[in-house]
Amino acid sequence: MSKPLTPSAARALRSLGRDVRIARKKRRMPMADFAERMGVSLGTLGRLERGEPGVSLGALAMALLVLGELRRLDELLDVSRDDTGLLLDVSALPQRIRRPGPPRG
């Protein structure tokens, strides 16, 4: 059994679903046409647009592809913009760099 979502994670998924729905509507695409182009059922599209957590990442990727926004998935967690990760990298640097000594042997 999966762990329940935190309220903030559930809110983020609902917001993502709402954004997919709005983007689809801006493009004047009926749900049936959009679902067909995504290769999913109307039920799956409805769950995606409601932000339900069980919808696959594959369905989201196909929705972004149909919307012409697939690049956004690549940018989702760009490691070059991961401030926390970059700070952790810096904190892991050695305190002192020593000149290599003569080879032992």
Protein backbone atom coordinates (compact mmCIF):
# COMPACT_ATOMS: atom_id res chain seq x y z
CA MET A 1 0.00 0.00 0.00
CA SER A 2 1.36 3.43 -0.86
CA LYS A 3 1.93 6.15 1.70
CA PRO A 4 -0.70 8.93 1.68
CA LEU A 5 0.35 12.25 0.20
CA THR A 6 1.06 15.24 2.35
CA PRO A 7 -1.39 18.12 1.89
CA SER A 8 1.25 20.17 0.08
CA ALA A 9 2.06 17.33 -2.34
CA ALA A 10 -1.66 16.74 -3.03
CA ARG A 11 -2.14 20.48 -3.63
CA ALA A 12 0.79 20.51 -6.08
CA LEU A 13 -0.69 17.59 -8.03
CA ARG A 14 -4.10 19.26 -8.18
CA SER A 15 -2.44 22.43 -9.45
CA LEU A 16 -0.54 20.46 -12.10
CA GLY A 17 -3.75 18.75 -13.20
CA ARG A 18 -5.57 22.07 -13.39
CA ASP A 19 -2.75 23.50 -15.48
CA VAL A 20 -2.92 20.57 -17.92
CA ARG A 21 -6.69 21.08 -18.22
CA ILE A 22 -6.32 24.83 -18.83
CA ALA A 23 -3.56 24.27 -21.42
CA ARG A 24 -5.77 21.73 -23.23
CA LYS A 25 -8.72 24.14 -23.22
CA LYS A 26 -6.60 27.03 -24.47
CA ARG A 27 -5.72 24.85 -27.44
CA ARG A 28 -9.45 24.15 -27.95
CA MET A 29 -8.97 20.39 -27.69
CA PRO A 30 -11.92 18.28 -26.54
CA MET A 31 -11.06 15.70 -23.88
CA ALA A 32 -11.74 12.80 -26.25
CA ASP A 33 -9.33 14.13 -28.89
CA PHE A 34 -6.67 14.94 -26.32
CA ALA A 35 -6.93 11.50 -24.67
CA GLU A 36 -6.73 9.81 -28.07
CA ARG A 37 -3.61 11.76 -29.03
CA MET A 38 -2.08 10.91 -25.64
CA GLY A 39 -2.93 7.23 -26.12
CA VAL A 40 -4.91 7.00 -22.87
CA SER A 41 -8.54 6.55 -21.88
CA LEU A 42 -10.86 9.42 -21.03
CA GLY A 43 -10.80 8.18 -17.44
CA THR A 44 -7.01 8.47 -17.26
CA LEU A 45 -7.14 11.98 -18.69
CA GLY A 46 -9.83 12.92 -16.17
CA ARG A 47 -7.68 11.58 -13.31
CA LEU A 48 -4.65 13.49 -14.64
CA GLU A 49 -6.64 16.73 -14.86
CA ARG A 50 -7.94 16.22 -11.31
CA GLY A 51 -4.39 15.71 -10.08
CA GLU A 52 -4.91 12.21 -8.77
CA PRO A 53 -1.63 10.67 -7.57
CA GLY A 54 -2.02 7.27 -9.27
CA VAL A 55 -1.69 8.61 -12.82
CA SER A 56 1.54 7.45 -14.46
CA LEU A 57 4.41 9.70 -15.38
CA GLY A 58 4.03 8.28 -18.88
CA ALA A 59 0.55 9.81 -19.12
CA LEU A 60 1.91 13.16 -17.96
CA ALA A 61 4.76 12.94 -20.47
CA MET A 62 2.32 12.22 -23.30
CA ALA A 63 0.09 15.12 -22.23
CA LEU A 64 3.09 17.45 -22.34
CA LEU A 65 4.09 16.07 -25.73
CA VAL A 66 0.62 16.66 -27.19
CA LEU A 67 0.62 20.18 -25.70
CA GLY A 68 4.01 20.88 -27.28
CA GLU A 69 5.58 21.33 -23.84
CA LEU A 70 7.63 18.13 -23.39
CA ARG A 71 10.79 20.17 -22.75
CA ARG A 72 9.27 21.19 -19.43
CA LEU A 73 9.63 17.63 -18.18
CA ASP A 74 13.37 17.82 -18.92
CA GLU A 75 13.54 21.05 -16.91
CA LEU A 76 11.56 19.73 -13.95
CA LEU A 77 14.55 19.06 -11.72
CA ASP A 78 17.48 20.43 -13.65
CA VAL A 79 20.55 19.53 -11.57
CA SER A 80 22.34 22.68 -12.71
CA ARG A 81 19.59 24.70 -10.97
CA ASP A 82 19.36 22.52 -7.85
CA ASP A 83 20.46 25.06 -5.23
CA THR A 84 20.34 22.59 -2.35
CA GLY A 85 22.34 20.00 -4.30
CA LEU A 86 24.90 22.63 -5.29
CA LEU A 87 25.28 23.74 -1.66
CA LEU A 88 25.75 20.12 -0.58
CA ASP A 89 28.45 19.72 -3.25
CA VAL A 90 30.27 22.79 -1.92
CA SER A 91 29.99 21.62 1.70
CA ALA A 92 31.55 18.27 0.73
CA LEU A 93 34.71 19.89 -0.62
CA PRO A 94 37.87 19.16 1.38
CA GLN A 95 38.91 21.79 3.91
CA ARG A 96 42.53 21.70 2.80
CA ILE A 97 44.30 20.66 -0.38
CA ARG A 98 47.81 19.33 0.18
CA ARG A 99 50.61 19.13 -2.29
CA PRO A 100 51.29 15.55 -3.25
CA GLY A 101 54.29 14.12 -1.51
CA PRO A 102 56.95 11.85 -2.98
CA PRO A 103 55.67 8.45 -4.09
CA ARG A 104 55.82 5.80 -1.42
CA GLY A 105 57.30 2.53 -2.24
